[in-house]
Amino acid sequence: MKLLVAIAAATATVLAAGGSVAAEVKPMDVVYEDGAIAGSLSGAAGDVESGAQIMNKGAGNCIACHQVTALNHLPFHGEIGPTLDGAADRWTEAELRGIIANAKNWFPDTMMPAFYKTDGFIRLGNAYTGKAHEGDVAPLLTAQQIEDVVAFLMTLKEE
């Protein structure tokens, strides 16, 4: 396990130094170390602006449950989850990546969905919706979208 974490850290170092882009980590191949994910899931750095957009609308829609002062220009911030102000001071980048990918590893009773999980679901079927999915389940966010949200969250420091 520690070897995989070391490999992920070395890959991140190569990427930061301008090396070639590593392959995307598929949801079923993600390695969690105490709930955290050491390296980029996409093999690329996240984009802060894209992360802010994902926080607002679409598959992420994080502000439906969380308040984020940096996004106060957007309406309808939720109060179900904790405020994300200061997230970069409370968690490391690897921890944030792990929380977004599968928050149940950190908070077993959370209502937050696992945004990068494709298996182990218990409520996908006709008994609940009348429209069971067909084929594989896609993650709610892509690997790059996870990296983008992490990049945005890393800008949220206590003032």
C-alpha atoms as a PDB file:
ATOM      1  CA  MET A   1       0.000   0.000   0.000  1.00  0.00           C
ATOM      2  CA  LYS A   2       2.766   2.440   0.920  1.00  0.00           C
ATOM      3  CA  LEU A   3       4.506   1.627  -2.382  1.00  0.00           C
ATOM      4  CA  LEU A   4       1.376   2.667  -4.297  1.00  0.00           C
ATOM      5  CA  VAL A   5       1.220   5.926  -2.343  1.00  0.00           C
ATOM      6  CA  ALA A   6       4.909   6.543  -3.082  1.00  0.00           C
ATOM      7  CA  ILE A   7       4.334   5.871  -6.789  1.00  0.00           C
ATOM      8  CA  ALA A   8       1.386   8.286  -6.821  1.00  0.00           C
ATOM      9  CA  ALA A   9       3.472  10.947  -5.067  1.00  0.00           C
ATOM     10  CA  ALA A  10       6.335  10.453  -7.530  1.00  0.00           C
ATOM     11  CA  THR A  11       3.905  10.754 -10.436  1.00  0.00           C
ATOM     12  CA  ALA A  12       2.571  14.016  -9.023  1.00  0.00           C
ATOM     13  CA  THR A  13       6.143  15.301  -8.718  1.00  0.00           C
ATOM     14  CA  VAL A  14       6.894  14.435 -12.349  1.00  0.00           C
ATOM     15  CA  LEU A  15       3.693  16.152 -13.459  1.00  0.00           C
ATOM     16  CA  ALA A  16       4.485  19.269 -11.434  1.00  0.00           C
ATOM     17  CA  ALA A  17       7.915  19.383 -13.034  1.00  0.00           C
ATOM     18  CA  GLY A  18       6.353  19.374 -16.501  1.00  0.00           C
ATOM     19  CA  GLY A  19       6.739  15.661 -17.183  1.00  0.00           C
ATOM     20  CA  SER A  20       4.391  13.619 -19.307  1.00  0.00           C
ATOM     21  CA  VAL A  21       0.807  13.206 -18.217  1.00  0.00           C
ATOM     22  CA  ALA A  22      -0.018   9.984 -16.400  1.00  0.00           C
ATOM     23  CA  ALA A  23      -3.018   7.883 -17.339  1.00  0.00           C
ATOM     24  CA  GLU A  24      -6.368   8.525 -15.695  1.00  0.00           C
ATOM     25  CA  VAL A  25      -7.127   6.394 -12.650  1.00  0.00           C
ATOM     26  CA  LYS A  26     -10.419   4.580 -13.145  1.00  0.00           C
ATOM     27  CA  PRO A  27     -12.900   4.648 -10.236  1.00  0.00           C
ATOM     28  CA  MET A  28     -12.422   0.972  -9.394  1.00  0.00           C
ATOM     29  CA  ASP A  29      -8.607   1.404  -9.375  1.00  0.00           C
ATOM     30  CA  VAL A  30      -8.462   4.301  -6.895  1.00  0.00           C
ATOM     31  CA  VAL A  31      -6.133   3.669  -3.962  1.00  0.00           C
ATOM     32  CA  TYR A  32      -7.237   5.268  -0.696  1.00  0.00           C
ATOM     33  CA  GLU A  33      -4.720   5.748   2.116  1.00  0.00           C
ATOM     34  CA  ASP A  34      -6.711   6.468   5.278  1.00  0.00           C
ATOM     35  CA  GLY A  35      -9.437   7.926   3.053  1.00  0.00           C
ATOM     36  CA  ALA A  36      -7.053  10.204   1.117  1.00  0.00           C
ATOM     37  CA  ILE A  37      -5.944   9.906  -2.505  1.00  0.00           C
ATOM     38  CA  ALA A  38      -2.318  10.950  -2.897  1.00  0.00           C
ATOM     39  CA  GLY A  39      -2.076  11.668  -6.611  1.00  0.00           C
ATOM     40  CA  SER A  40      -4.124  13.219  -9.359  1.00  0.00           C
ATOM     41  CA  LEU A  41      -6.936  11.012 -10.634  1.00  0.00           C
ATOM     42  CA  SER A  42      -6.682  12.497 -14.115  1.00  0.00           C
ATOM     43  CA  GLY A  43      -2.907  12.762 -14.346  1.00  0.00           C
ATOM     44  CA  ALA A  44      -3.269  16.523 -14.745  1.00  0.00           C
ATOM     45  CA  ALA A  45      -3.542  19.506 -12.458  1.00  0.00           C
ATOM     46  CA  GLY A  46      -6.961  20.917 -11.691  1.00  0.00           C
ATOM     47  CA  ASP A  47      -8.305  24.200 -13.054  1.00  0.00           C
ATOM     48  CA  VAL A  48      -9.564  26.600 -10.367  1.00  0.00           C
ATOM     49  CA  GLU A  49     -12.120  28.363 -12.602  1.00  0.00           C
ATOM     50  CA  SER A  50     -13.576  25.081 -13.864  1.00  0.00           C
ATOM     51  CA  GLY A  51     -13.733  23.883 -10.268  1.00  0.00           C
ATOM     52  CA  ALA A  52     -15.753  26.947  -9.268  1.00  0.00           C
ATOM     53  CA  GLN A  53     -18.210  26.255 -12.112  1.00  0.00           C
ATOM     54  CA  ILE A  54     -18.582  22.603 -11.099  1.00  0.00           C
ATOM     55  CA  MET A  55     -19.274  23.738  -7.515  1.00  0.00           C
ATOM     56  CA  ASN A  56     -22.213  25.763  -8.843  1.00  0.00           C
ATOM     57  CA  LYS A  57     -24.074  23.725 -11.404  1.00  0.00           C
ATOM     58  CA  GLY A  58     -24.113  20.443 -13.186  1.00  0.00           C
ATOM     59  CA  ALA A  59     -22.930  17.175 -11.737  1.00  0.00           C
ATOM     60  CA  GLY A  60     -21.115  18.759  -8.785  1.00  0.00           C
ATOM     61  CA  ASN A  61     -23.622  21.323  -7.534  1.00  0.00           C
ATOM     62  CA  CYS A  62     -21.743  21.454  -4.217  1.00  0.00           C
ATOM     63  CA  ILE A  63     -23.402  24.698  -3.140  1.00  0.00           C
ATOM     64  CA  ALA A  64     -26.753  22.949  -3.012  1.00  0.00           C
ATOM     65  CA  CYS A  65     -25.541  21.565   0.330  1.00  0.00           C
ATOM     66  CA  HIS A  66     -22.522  23.723   1.279  1.00  0.00           C
ATOM     67  CA  GLN A  67     -21.993  27.441   1.791  1.00  0.00           C
ATOM     68  CA  VAL A  68     -18.975  29.027   0.096  1.00  0.00           C
ATOM     69  CA  THR A  69     -18.374  32.734   0.679  1.00  0.00           C
ATOM     70  CA  ALA A  70     -16.176  32.958  -2.448  1.00  0.00           C
ATOM     71  CA  LEU A  71     -19.268  31.993  -4.459  1.00  0.00           C
ATOM     72  CA  ASN A  72     -21.685  34.394  -2.732  1.00  0.00           C
ATOM     73  CA  HIS A  73     -22.593  35.875  -6.117  1.00  0.00           C
ATOM     74  CA  LEU A  74     -24.446  32.619  -6.807  1.00  0.00           C
ATOM     75  CA  PRO A  75     -27.873  31.966  -5.274  1.00  0.00           C
ATOM     76  CA  PHE A  76     -29.158  29.125  -3.117  1.00  0.00           C
ATOM     77  CA  HIS A  77     -26.317  27.945  -0.905  1.00  0.00           C
ATOM     78  CA  GLY A  78     -27.323  24.975   1.201  1.00  0.00           C
ATOM     79  CA  GLU A  79     -27.024  24.348   4.908  1.00  0.00           C
ATOM     80  CA  ILE A  80     -26.949  20.555   4.986  1.00  0.00           C
ATOM     81  CA  GLY A  81     -23.172  20.205   4.796  1.00  0.00           C
ATOM     82  CA  PRO A  82     -20.489  22.234   6.555  1.00  0.00           C
ATOM     83  CA  THR A  83     -19.285  25.514   5.113  1.00  0.00           C
ATOM     84  CA  LEU A  84     -16.373  25.027   2.765  1.00  0.00           C
ATOM     85  CA  ASP A  85     -14.746  28.318   3.747  1.00  0.00           C
ATOM     86  CA  GLY A  86     -11.263  27.439   4.978  1.00  0.00           C
ATOM     87  CA  ALA A  87     -11.366  23.945   3.447  1.00  0.00           C
ATOM     88  CA  ALA A  88      -7.706  24.220   2.417  1.00  0.00           C
ATOM     89  CA  ASP A  89      -6.764  24.871   6.048  1.00  0.00           C
ATOM     90  CA  ARG A  90      -8.787  21.921   7.386  1.00  0.00           C
ATOM     91  CA  TRP A  91      -7.793  19.258   4.877  1.00  0.00           C
ATOM     92  CA  THR A  92      -4.851  18.469   2.618  1.00  0.00           C
ATOM     93  CA  GLU A  93      -5.206  18.218  -1.141  1.00  0.00           C
ATOM     94  CA  ALA A  94      -5.083  14.412  -0.894  1.00  0.00           C
ATOM     95  CA  GLU A  95      -7.757  14.416   1.809  1.00  0.00           C
ATOM     96  CA  LEU A  96     -10.046  16.704  -0.204  1.00  0.00           C
ATOM     97  CA  ARG A  97      -9.609  14.465  -3.247  1.00  0.00           C
ATOM     98  CA  GLY A  98     -10.585  11.449  -1.131  1.00  0.00           C
ATOM     99  CA  ILE A  99     -13.580  13.205   0.420  1.00  0.00           C
ATOM    100  CA  ILE A 100     -14.947  14.236  -2.964  1.00  0.00           C
ATOM    101  CA  ALA A 101     -14.319  10.842  -4.542  1.00  0.00           C
ATOM    102  CA  ASN A 102     -16.053   8.961  -1.713  1.00  0.00           C
ATOM    103  CA  ALA A 103     -16.983  10.930   1.407  1.00  0.00           C
ATOM    104  CA  LYS A 104     -18.226   7.803   3.196  1.00  0.00           C
ATOM    105  CA  ASN A 105     -14.587   6.819   3.757  1.00  0.00           C
ATOM    106  CA  TRP A 106     -14.333   9.910   5.989  1.00  0.00           C
ATOM    107  CA  PHE A 107     -17.862  10.401   7.235  1.00  0.00           C
ATOM    108  CA  PRO A 108     -19.796   7.088   7.199  1.00  0.00           C
ATOM    109  CA  ASP A 109     -23.177   8.719   7.906  1.00  0.00           C
ATOM    110  CA  THR A 110     -22.854  11.533   5.379  1.00  0.00           C
ATOM    111  CA  MET A 111     -25.540  12.318   2.842  1.00  0.00           C
ATOM    112  CA  MET A 112     -22.843  13.462   0.403  1.00  0.00           C
ATOM    113  CA  PRO A 113     -22.704  11.272  -2.689  1.00  0.00           C
ATOM    114  CA  ALA A 114     -19.572   9.477  -3.767  1.00  0.00           C
ATOM    115  CA  PHE A 115     -18.643  11.485  -6.840  1.00  0.00           C
ATOM    116  CA  TYR A 116     -16.070   8.991  -8.179  1.00  0.00           C
ATOM    117  CA  LYS A 117     -17.557   5.589  -7.473  1.00  0.00           C
ATOM    118  CA  THR A 118     -19.107   3.138  -9.898  1.00  0.00           C
ATOM    119  CA  ASP A 119     -19.817   0.004  -7.876  1.00  0.00           C
ATOM    120  CA  GLY A 120     -21.277  -1.183  -4.594  1.00  0.00           C
ATOM    121  CA  PHE A 121     -24.541   0.721  -4.918  1.00  0.00           C
ATOM    122  CA  ILE A 122     -27.621  -0.777  -3.291  1.00  0.00           C
ATOM    123  CA  ARG A 123     -30.457   1.421  -4.562  1.00  0.00           C
ATOM    124  CA  LEU A 124     -30.128   1.446  -8.340  1.00  0.00           C
ATOM    125  CA  GLY A 125     -33.112  -0.328  -9.760  1.00  0.00           C
ATOM    126  CA  ASN A 126     -36.730  -0.693 -10.610  1.00  0.00           C
ATOM    127  CA  ALA A 127     -37.824  -0.970  -6.972  1.00  0.00           C
ATOM    128  CA  TYR A 128     -36.961   2.699  -6.447  1.00  0.00           C
ATOM    129  CA  THR A 129     -37.410   4.485  -9.757  1.00  0.00           C
ATOM    130  CA  GLY A 130     -39.137   2.110 -12.095  1.00  0.00           C
ATOM    131  CA  LYS A 131     -36.290   2.835 -14.505  1.00  0.00           C
ATOM    132  CA  ALA A 132     -33.293   0.657 -13.706  1.00  0.00           C
ATOM    133  CA  HIS A 133     -30.084   1.787 -15.346  1.00  0.00           C
ATOM    134  CA  GLU A 134     -28.594  -0.386 -18.027  1.00  0.00           C
ATOM    135  CA  GLY A 135     -24.909  -1.175 -18.291  1.00  0.00           C
ATOM    136  CA  ASP A 136     -22.162   0.272 -16.148  1.00  0.00           C
ATOM    137  CA  VAL A 137     -22.768   3.130 -13.744  1.00  0.00           C
ATOM    138  CA  ALA A 138     -20.772   6.248 -14.619  1.00  0.00           C
ATOM    139  CA  PRO A 139     -19.196   8.334 -11.860  1.00  0.00           C
ATOM    140  CA  LEU A 140     -20.986  11.598 -11.037  1.00  0.00           C
ATOM    141  CA  LEU A 141     -17.802  13.565 -11.803  1.00  0.00           C
ATOM    142  CA  THR A 142     -14.945  12.720 -14.150  1.00  0.00           C
ATOM    143  CA  ALA A 143     -11.404  12.391 -12.853  1.00  0.00           C
ATOM    144  CA  GLN A 144     -10.576  15.851 -14.240  1.00  0.00           C
ATOM    145  CA  GLN A 145     -13.665  17.398 -12.680  1.00  0.00           C
ATOM    146  CA  ILE A 146     -12.562  16.013  -9.291  1.00  0.00           C
ATOM    147  CA  GLU A 147      -9.144  17.622  -9.818  1.00  0.00           C
ATOM    148  CA  ASP A 148     -10.790  20.912 -10.792  1.00  0.00           C
ATOM    149  CA  VAL A 149     -12.956  20.977  -7.644  1.00  0.00           C
ATOM    150  CA  VAL A 150      -9.918  20.117  -5.499  1.00  0.00           C
ATOM    151  CA  ALA A 151      -7.972  22.979  -7.126  1.00  0.00           C
ATOM    152  CA  PHE A 152     -10.801  25.393  -6.295  1.00  0.00           C
ATOM    153  CA  LEU A 153     -11.152  24.122  -2.719  1.00  0.00           C
ATOM    154  CA  MET A 154      -7.399  24.560  -2.194  1.00  0.00           C
ATOM    155  CA  THR A 155      -7.935  28.320  -2.724  1.00  0.00           C
ATOM    156  CA  LEU A 156     -10.383  28.472   0.203  1.00  0.00           C
ATOM    157  CA  LYS A 157      -8.198  29.542   3.132  1.00  0.00           C
ATOM    158  CA  GLU A 158      -9.251  31.173   6.394  1.00  0.00           C
ATOM    159  CA  GLU A 159      -8.833  34.922   6.230  1.00  0.00           C
END
